[in-house]
C-alpha atoms as a PDB file:
ATOM      1  CA  UNK A   1      10.945  42.766  -0.563  1.00  0.00           C
ATOM      2  CA  UNK A   2      13.902  40.393  -0.422  1.00  0.00           C
ATOM      3  CA  UNK A   3      12.543  38.786   2.765  1.00  0.00           C
ATOM      4  CA  UNK A   4       9.086  38.412   1.207  1.00  0.00           C
ATOM      5  CA  UNK A   5      10.597  36.625  -1.783  1.00  0.00           C
ATOM      6  CA  UNK A   6      12.531  34.292   0.531  1.00  0.00           C
ATOM      7  CA  UNK A   7       9.452  33.466   2.582  1.00  0.00           C
ATOM      8  CA  UNK A   8       7.342  32.825  -0.515  1.00  0.00           C
ATOM      9  CA  UNK A   9      10.062  30.700  -2.108  1.00  0.00           C
ATOM     10  CA  UNK A  10      10.542  28.603   1.027  1.00  0.00           C
ATOM     11  CA  UNK A  11       6.821  28.113   1.510  1.00  0.00           C
ATOM     12  CA  UNK A  12       6.240  27.217  -2.135  1.00  0.00           C
ATOM     13  CA  UNK A  13       9.164  24.813  -2.223  1.00  0.00           C
ATOM     14  CA  UNK A  14       8.017  23.118   0.985  1.00  0.00           C
ATOM     15  CA  UNK A  15       4.501  22.526  -0.331  1.00  0.00           C
ATOM     16  CA  UNK A  16       5.614  21.257  -3.742  1.00  0.00           C
ATOM     17  CA  UNK A  17       8.323  19.004  -2.377  1.00  0.00           C
ATOM     18  CA  UNK A  18       6.067  17.762   0.397  1.00  0.00           C
ATOM     19  CA  UNK A  19       3.485  16.524  -2.080  1.00  0.00           C
ATOM     20  CA  UNK A  20       6.131  14.795  -4.187  1.00  0.00           C
ATOM     21  CA  UNK A  21       8.060  13.219  -1.325  1.00  0.00           C
ATOM     22  CA  UNK A  22       4.966  12.178   0.598  1.00  0.00           C
ATOM     23  CA  UNK A  23       3.748  10.263  -2.433  1.00  0.00           C
ATOM     24  CA  UNK A  24       7.139   8.651  -3.048  1.00  0.00           C
ATOM     25  CA  UNK A  25       7.573   7.759   0.622  1.00  0.00           C
ATOM     26  CA  UNK A  26       4.123   6.240   0.823  1.00  0.00           C
ATOM     27  CA  UNK A  27       4.770   4.042  -2.206  1.00  0.00           C
ATOM     28  CA  UNK A  28       8.123   3.025  -0.755  1.00  0.00           C
ATOM     29  CA  UNK A  29       6.646   2.165   2.618  1.00  0.00           C
ATOM     30  CA  UNK A  30       3.893   0.136   0.968  1.00  0.00           C
ATOM     31  CA  UNK A  31       6.466  -1.879  -0.926  1.00  0.00           C
ATOM     32  CA  UNK A  32       8.643  -2.454   2.120  1.00  0.00           C
ATOM     33  CA  UNK A  33       5.646  -3.468   4.223  1.00  0.00           C
ATOM     34  CA  UNK A  34       5.037  -6.282   1.811  1.00  0.00           C
ATOM     35  CA  UNK A  35       2.156  -4.725  -0.142  1.00  0.00           C
ATOM     36  CA  UNK A  36       1.319  -5.931  -3.643  1.00  0.00           C
ATOM     37  CA  UNK A  37      -1.629  -8.021  -4.802  1.00  0.00           C
ATOM     38  CA  UNK A  38       0.545 -10.077  -7.129  1.00  0.00           C
ATOM     39  CA  UNK A  39       2.253 -11.658  -4.113  1.00  0.00           C
ATOM     40  CA  UNK A  40      -0.964 -12.153  -2.185  1.00  0.00           C
ATOM     41  CA  UNK A  41       0.218  -9.904   0.634  1.00  0.00           C
ATOM     42  CA  UNK A  42      -2.125  -7.799   2.739  1.00  0.00           C
ATOM     43  CA  UNK A  43      -2.276  -4.056   2.110  1.00  0.00           C
ATOM     44  CA  UNK A  44      -0.027  -1.972   4.399  1.00  0.00           C
ATOM     45  CA  UNK A  45      -1.716  -1.020   7.646  1.00  0.00           C
ATOM     46  CA  UNK A  46      -2.711   2.628   8.065  1.00  0.00           C
ATOM     47  CA  UNK A  47      -1.446   4.022  11.396  1.00  0.00           C
ATOM     48  CA  UNK A  48      -4.088   4.750  14.028  1.00  0.00           C
ATOM     49  CA  UNK A  49      -4.653   8.266  15.316  1.00  0.00           C
ATOM     50  CA  UNK A  50      -3.028   7.406  18.668  1.00  0.00           C
ATOM     51  CA  UNK A  51      -0.055   5.570  17.138  1.00  0.00           C
ATOM     52  CA  UNK A  52       3.566   6.640  17.444  1.00  0.00           C
ATOM     53  CA  UNK A  53       3.638   7.175  13.658  1.00  0.00           C
ATOM     54  CA  UNK A  54       0.781   9.700  13.775  1.00  0.00           C
ATOM     55  CA  UNK A  55       1.927  11.289  17.040  1.00  0.00           C
ATOM     56  CA  UNK A  56       5.451  11.836  15.786  1.00  0.00           C
ATOM     57  CA  UNK A  57       4.193  13.307  12.502  1.00  0.00           C
ATOM     58  CA  UNK A  58       1.929  15.758  14.353  1.00  0.00           C
ATOM     59  CA  UNK A  59       4.430  16.773  17.016  1.00  0.00           C
ATOM     60  CA  UNK A  60       7.497  17.031  14.813  1.00  0.00           C
ATOM     61  CA  UNK A  61       5.578  19.171  12.313  1.00  0.00           C
ATOM     62  CA  UNK A  62       4.948  21.676  15.124  1.00  0.00           C
ATOM     63  CA  UNK A  63       8.528  21.362  16.387  1.00  0.00           C
ATOM     64  CA  UNK A  64       9.919  21.995  12.896  1.00  0.00           C
ATOM     65  CA  UNK A  65       7.652  24.997  12.368  1.00  0.00           C
ATOM     66  CA  UNK A  66       9.280  26.797  15.278  1.00  0.00           C
ATOM     67  CA  UNK A  67      12.768  26.077  13.904  1.00  0.00           C
ATOM     68  CA  UNK A  68      11.706  27.638  10.596  1.00  0.00           C
ATOM     69  CA  UNK A  69      10.288  30.661  12.437  1.00  0.00           C
ATOM     70  CA  UNK A  70      13.448  31.208  14.511  1.00  0.00           C
ATOM     71  CA  UNK A  71      15.619  30.868  11.413  1.00  0.00           C
ATOM     72  CA  UNK A  72      13.702  33.545   9.519  1.00  0.00           C
ATOM     73  CA  UNK A  73      13.843  35.823  12.562  1.00  0.00           C
ATOM     74  CA  UNK A  74      17.626  35.650  12.876  1.00  0.00           C
ATOM     75  CA  UNK A  75      18.161  36.234   9.155  1.00  0.00           C
ATOM     76  CA  UNK A  76      16.651  39.689   9.695  1.00  0.00           C
ATOM     77  CA  UNK A  77      18.589  40.353  12.918  1.00  0.00           C
ATOM     78  CA  UNK A  78      22.178  39.789  11.748  1.00  0.00           C
ATOM     79  CA  UNK A  79      24.363  40.399   8.718  1.00  0.00           C
ATOM     80  CA  UNK A  80      26.722  37.522   9.583  1.00  0.00           C
ATOM     81  CA  UNK A  81      26.771  35.279   6.508  1.00  0.00           C
ATOM     82  CA  UNK A  82      27.768  32.132   8.409  1.00  0.00           C
ATOM     83  CA  UNK A  83      24.733  32.344  10.701  1.00  0.00           C
ATOM     84  CA  UNK A  84      22.463  33.387   7.834  1.00  0.00           C
ATOM     85  CA  UNK A  85      23.551  30.357   5.752  1.00  0.00           C
ATOM     86  CA  UNK A  86      22.932  28.016   8.677  1.00  0.00           C
ATOM     87  CA  UNK A  87      19.517  29.578   9.288  1.00  0.00           C
ATOM     88  CA  UNK A  88      18.594  29.231   5.612  1.00  0.00           C
ATOM     89  CA  UNK A  89      19.662  25.566   5.536  1.00  0.00           C
ATOM     90  CA  UNK A  90      17.696  24.749   8.687  1.00  0.00           C
ATOM     91  CA  UNK A  91      14.586  26.596   7.479  1.00  0.00           C
ATOM     92  CA  UNK A  92      14.671  24.924   4.066  1.00  0.00           C
ATOM     93  CA  UNK A  93      15.326  21.415   5.383  1.00  0.00           C
ATOM     94  CA  UNK A  94      12.777  21.524   8.166  1.00  0.00           C
ATOM     95  CA  UNK A  95      10.076  23.152   6.033  1.00  0.00           C
ATOM     96  CA  UNK A  96      10.434  20.307   3.532  1.00  0.00           C
ATOM     97  CA  UNK A  97      10.406  17.631   6.225  1.00  0.00           C
ATOM     98  CA  UNK A  98       7.369  19.273   7.809  1.00  0.00           C
ATOM     99  CA  UNK A  99       5.604  19.031   4.468  1.00  0.00           C
ATOM    100  CA  UNK A 100       6.344  15.318   4.347  1.00  0.00           C
ATOM    101  CA  UNK A 101       4.982  14.740   7.839  1.00  0.00           C
ATOM    102  CA  UNK A 102       1.775  16.662   7.149  1.00  0.00           C
ATOM    103  CA  UNK A 103       1.449  14.925   3.796  1.00  0.00           C
ATOM    104  CA  UNK A 104       1.549  11.533   5.500  1.00  0.00           C
ATOM    105  CA  UNK A 105      -1.208  12.579   7.897  1.00  0.00           C
ATOM    106  CA  UNK A 106      -3.330  13.626   4.918  1.00  0.00           C
ATOM    107  CA  UNK A 107      -2.691  10.335   3.128  1.00  0.00           C
ATOM    108  CA  UNK A 108      -3.546   8.400   6.286  1.00  0.00           C
ATOM    109  CA  UNK A 109      -6.681  10.576   6.647  1.00  0.00           C
ATOM    110  CA  UNK A 110      -5.683  11.471  10.194  1.00  0.00           C
ATOM    111  CA  UNK A 111      -6.127  14.838  11.925  1.00  0.00           C
ATOM    112  CA  UNK A 112      -3.183  17.204  12.282  1.00  0.00           C
ATOM    113  CA  UNK A 113      -4.429  17.990  15.803  1.00  0.00           C
ATOM    114  CA  UNK A 114      -5.744  15.043  17.829  1.00  0.00           C
ATOM    115  CA  UNK A 115      -8.444  15.961  20.328  1.00  0.00           C
ATOM    116  CA  UNK A 116      -7.732  14.821  23.856  1.00  0.00           C
ATOM    117  CA  UNK A 117      -4.062  14.041  23.203  1.00  0.00           C
ATOM    118  CA  UNK A 118      -1.232  16.067  24.691  1.00  0.00           C
ATOM    119  CA  UNK A 119       2.089  16.633  22.912  1.00  0.00           C
ATOM    120  CA  UNK A 120       4.449  13.680  23.410  1.00  0.00           C
ATOM    121  CA  UNK A 121       1.668  11.274  24.457  1.00  0.00           C
ATOM    122  CA  UNK A 122       2.888   8.888  21.757  1.00  0.00           C
ATOM    123  CA  UNK A 123       6.265   8.514  23.503  1.00  0.00           C
ATOM    124  CA  UNK A 124       4.810   8.102  26.971  1.00  0.00           C
ATOM    125  CA  UNK A 125       2.211   5.606  25.700  1.00  0.00           C
ATOM    126  CA  UNK A 126       4.912   3.647  23.908  1.00  0.00           C
ATOM    127  CA  UNK A 127       6.703   2.930  27.177  1.00  0.00           C
ATOM    128  CA  UNK A 128       4.155   3.237  29.991  1.00  0.00           C
ATOM    129  CA  UNK A 129       5.411   3.243  33.527  1.00  0.00           C
ATOM    130  CA  UNK A 130       9.065   3.933  32.848  1.00  0.00           C
ATOM    131  CA  UNK A 131      11.453   6.463  31.374  1.00  0.00           C
ATOM    132  CA  UNK A 132      12.593   6.534  27.753  1.00  0.00           C
ATOM    133  CA  UNK A 133      16.163   6.919  29.002  1.00  0.00           C
ATOM    134  CA  UNK A 134      18.499   4.605  27.165  1.00  0.00           C
ATOM    135  CA  UNK A 135      16.097   3.573  24.381  1.00  0.00           C
ATOM    136  CA  UNK A 136      17.861   4.104  21.040  1.00  0.00           C
ATOM    137  CA  UNK A 137      19.981   6.816  22.627  1.00  0.00           C
ATOM    138  CA  UNK A 138      17.185   8.913  24.094  1.00  0.00           C
ATOM    139  CA  UNK A 139      17.981  10.678  27.343  1.00  0.00           C
ATOM    140  CA  UNK A 140      14.498  10.919  28.812  1.00  0.00           C
ATOM    141  CA  UNK A 141      14.181  14.577  27.792  1.00  0.00           C
ATOM    142  CA  UNK A 142      11.157  13.968  25.545  1.00  0.00           C
ATOM    143  CA  UNK A 143       9.149  11.784  27.900  1.00  0.00           C
ATOM    144  CA  UNK A 144       9.663  14.119  30.869  1.00  0.00           C
ATOM    145  CA  UNK A 145       8.955  17.433  29.146  1.00  0.00           C
ATOM    146  CA  UNK A 146       6.033  19.530  30.375  1.00  0.00           C
ATOM    147  CA  UNK A 147       4.577  22.295  28.212  1.00  0.00           C
ATOM    148  CA  UNK A 148       5.106  25.859  29.462  1.00  0.00           C
ATOM    149  CA  UNK A 149       5.018  29.385  27.986  1.00  0.00           C
ATOM    150  CA  UNK A 150       4.579  28.095  24.437  1.00  0.00           C
ATOM    151  CA  UNK A 151       7.314  25.464  24.744  1.00  0.00           C
ATOM    152  CA  UNK A 152       5.108  22.517  23.859  1.00  0.00           C
ATOM    153  CA  UNK A 153       7.812  19.922  23.281  1.00  0.00           C
ATOM    154  CA  UNK A 154      11.437  19.159  24.180  1.00  0.00           C
ATOM    155  CA  UNK A 155      13.873  21.893  23.220  1.00  0.00           C
ATOM    156  CA  UNK A 156      11.240  24.323  21.962  1.00  0.00           C
ATOM    157  CA  UNK A 157      11.834  27.975  22.798  1.00  0.00           C
ATOM    158  CA  UNK A 158       9.363  29.780  25.030  1.00  0.00           C
ATOM    159  CA  UNK A 159       7.372  32.818  23.912  1.00  0.00           C
ATOM    160  CA  UNK A 160       9.640  34.980  26.075  1.00  0.00           C
ATOM    161  CA  UNK A 161      12.753  33.626  24.371  1.00  0.00           C
ATOM    162  CA  UNK A 162      11.274  34.241  20.924  1.00  0.00           C
ATOM    163  CA  UNK A 163      10.492  37.838  21.946  1.00  0.00           C
ATOM    164  CA  UNK A 164      14.116  38.266  23.045  1.00  0.00           C
ATOM    165  CA  UNK A 165      15.339  36.937  19.708  1.00  0.00           C
ATOM    166  CA  UNK A 166      13.075  39.347  17.807  1.00  0.00           C
ATOM    167  CA  UNK A 167      14.459  42.303  19.755  1.00  0.00           C
ATOM    168  CA  UNK A 168      18.150  41.287  19.638  1.00  0.00           C
ATOM    169  CA  UNK A 169      20.558  42.176  16.855  1.00  0.00           C
ATOM    170  CA  UNK A 170      24.100  41.478  15.697  1.00  0.00           C
ATOM    171  CA  UNK A 171      26.237  39.202  17.844  1.00  0.00           C
ATOM    172  CA  UNK A 172      23.607  39.039  20.610  1.00  0.00           C
ATOM    173  CA  UNK A 173      21.038  37.707  18.127  1.00  0.00           C
ATOM    174  CA  UNK A 174      23.544  35.211  16.717  1.00  0.00           C
ATOM    175  CA  UNK A 175      24.455  33.799  20.131  1.00  0.00           C
ATOM    176  CA  UNK A 176      20.828  33.612  21.276  1.00  0.00           C
ATOM    177  CA  UNK A 177      19.751  31.900  18.055  1.00  0.00           C
ATOM    178  CA  UNK A 178      22.584  29.369  18.248  1.00  0.00           C
ATOM    179  CA  UNK A 179      21.752  28.613  21.881  1.00  0.00           C
ATOM    180  CA  UNK A 180      18.028  28.263  21.219  1.00  0.00           C
ATOM    181  CA  UNK A 181      18.591  26.140  18.138  1.00  0.00           C
ATOM    182  CA  UNK A 182      21.083  23.920  19.972  1.00  0.00           C
ATOM    183  CA  UNK A 183      18.433  23.132  22.596  1.00  0.00           C
ATOM    184  CA  UNK A 184      15.830  22.769  19.837  1.00  0.00           C
ATOM    185  CA  UNK A 185      17.943  20.232  17.951  1.00  0.00           C
ATOM    186  CA  UNK A 186      18.663  18.229  21.094  1.00  0.00           C
ATOM    187  CA  UNK A 187      14.946  17.956  21.785  1.00  0.00           C
ATOM    188  CA  UNK A 188      14.245  17.092  18.155  1.00  0.00           C
ATOM    189  CA  UNK A 189      16.890  14.381  18.149  1.00  0.00           C
ATOM    190  CA  UNK A 190      15.348  12.848  21.268  1.00  0.00           C
ATOM    191  CA  UNK A 191      11.934  12.784  19.584  1.00  0.00           C
ATOM    192  CA  UNK A 192      13.333  11.378  16.329  1.00  0.00           C
ATOM    193  CA  UNK A 193      15.120   8.592  18.193  1.00  0.00           C
ATOM    194  CA  UNK A 194      11.824   7.823  19.883  1.00  0.00           C
ATOM    195  CA  UNK A 195      10.163   7.419  16.484  1.00  0.00           C
ATOM    196  CA  UNK A 196      13.032   5.283  15.225  1.00  0.00           C
ATOM    197  CA  UNK A 197      12.255   2.889  18.062  1.00  0.00           C
ATOM    198  CA  UNK A 198       8.451   3.131  18.190  1.00  0.00           C
ATOM    199  CA  UNK A 199       7.174   4.004  14.711  1.00  0.00           C
ATOM    200  CA  UNK A 200       6.169   1.207  12.330  1.00  0.00           C
ATOM    201  CA  UNK A 201       6.122   2.871   8.892  1.00  0.00           C
ATOM    202  CA  UNK A 202       9.546   2.199   7.302  1.00  0.00           C
ATOM    203  CA  UNK A 203       9.688   5.496   5.409  1.00  0.00           C
ATOM    204  CA  UNK A 204       8.931   7.455   8.578  1.00  0.00           C
ATOM    205  CA  UNK A 205      11.540   5.541  10.569  1.00  0.00           C
ATOM    206  CA  UNK A 206      14.079   6.348   7.839  1.00  0.00           C
ATOM    207  CA  UNK A 207      13.160  10.030   7.964  1.00  0.00           C
ATOM    208  CA  UNK A 208      13.557  10.020  11.762  1.00  0.00           C
ATOM    209  CA  UNK A 209      17.037   8.513  11.477  1.00  0.00           C
ATOM    210  CA  UNK A 210      17.930  11.102   8.832  1.00  0.00           C
ATOM    211  CA  UNK A 211      16.834  13.852  11.221  1.00  0.00           C
ATOM    212  CA  UNK A 212      19.087  12.481  13.950  1.00  0.00           C
ATOM    213  CA  UNK A 213      22.142  12.380  11.680  1.00  0.00           C
ATOM    214  CA  UNK A 214      21.583  15.800  10.096  1.00  0.00           C
ATOM    215  CA  UNK A 215      20.760  17.609  13.318  1.00  0.00           C
ATOM    216  CA  UNK A 216      23.714  16.055  15.148  1.00  0.00           C
ATOM    217  CA  UNK A 217      25.977  17.396  12.394  1.00  0.00           C
ATOM    218  CA  UNK A 218      24.427  20.844  12.796  1.00  0.00           C
ATOM    219  CA  UNK A 219      24.870  20.631  16.570  1.00  0.00           C
ATOM    220  CA  UNK A 220      28.604  20.118  16.052  1.00  0.00           C
ATOM    221  CA  UNK A 221      28.721  23.112  13.702  1.00  0.00           C
ATOM    222  CA  UNK A 222      26.774  25.316  16.116  1.00  0.00           C
ATOM    223  CA  UNK A 223      29.077  24.406  18.993  1.00  0.00           C
ATOM    224  CA  UNK A 224      31.993  25.693  16.931  1.00  0.00           C
ATOM    225  CA  UNK A 225      30.120  28.857  15.987  1.00  0.00           C
ATOM    226  CA  UNK A 226      29.277  29.566  19.615  1.00  0.00           C
ATOM    227  CA  UNK A 227      32.879  29.001  20.674  1.00  0.00           C
ATOM    228  CA  UNK A 228      34.055  31.411  17.963  1.00  0.00           C
ATOM    229  CA  UNK A 229      31.776  34.026  19.532  1.00  0.00           C
ATOM    230  CA  UNK A 230      33.102  33.382  23.030  1.00  0.00           C
ATOM    231  CA  UNK A 231      29.907  31.648  24.126  1.00  0.00           C
ATOM    232  CA  UNK A 232      28.576  28.194  24.880  1.00  0.00           C
ATOM    233  CA  UNK A 233      25.186  26.468  24.947  1.00  0.00           C
ATOM    234  CA  UNK A 234      22.645  27.644  27.496  1.00  0.00           C
ATOM    235  CA  UNK A 235      22.601  25.840  30.831  1.00  0.00           C
END
């Protein structure tokens, strides 16, 4: 019953906050793009379906959903309060950000799944013919990723790894979660840096930079938690 209440609370909060923040962010981006009839400026341009703005919103929404899923799994597999607090923070933050991303797609009247487009196409299309390595701190991880076993984007866990997490418990579950989430955050940071360099909507670029800063802080915390458990990140 406690888990059901948590899931319902997180889902309800994500939806409500998503609607609020998506509206606020859209107004902010319109202002920063120079919108406003009183100044004779053109209305802000709506991103195209193949744009980096739309691609990042679609892909990061999927990426975040897996982080939320893994975080709820580990909360049921360990009694360690430090790991459970981290998992709750990640689930809450990424559920809310996912709501913002999906809200933008709705406001732009763009599909949440683009037919004929593979995950990460927006990064490869943004820099055709060469690696993303070195652009705004990216390491090429995002552009070179190939989907396999449910791992659609950089850092995402495979179906096999998720099954292992569901069957683990105690310290084993903690270490596996921290390792999977470390890789997940590294992939997410790479994607967010890509948006910071390629996206055009100011509010979305700001959100991407916020993701980089927050997830880097969590990476530092997870490194310490792994070390305290006599473990390190996966190879």
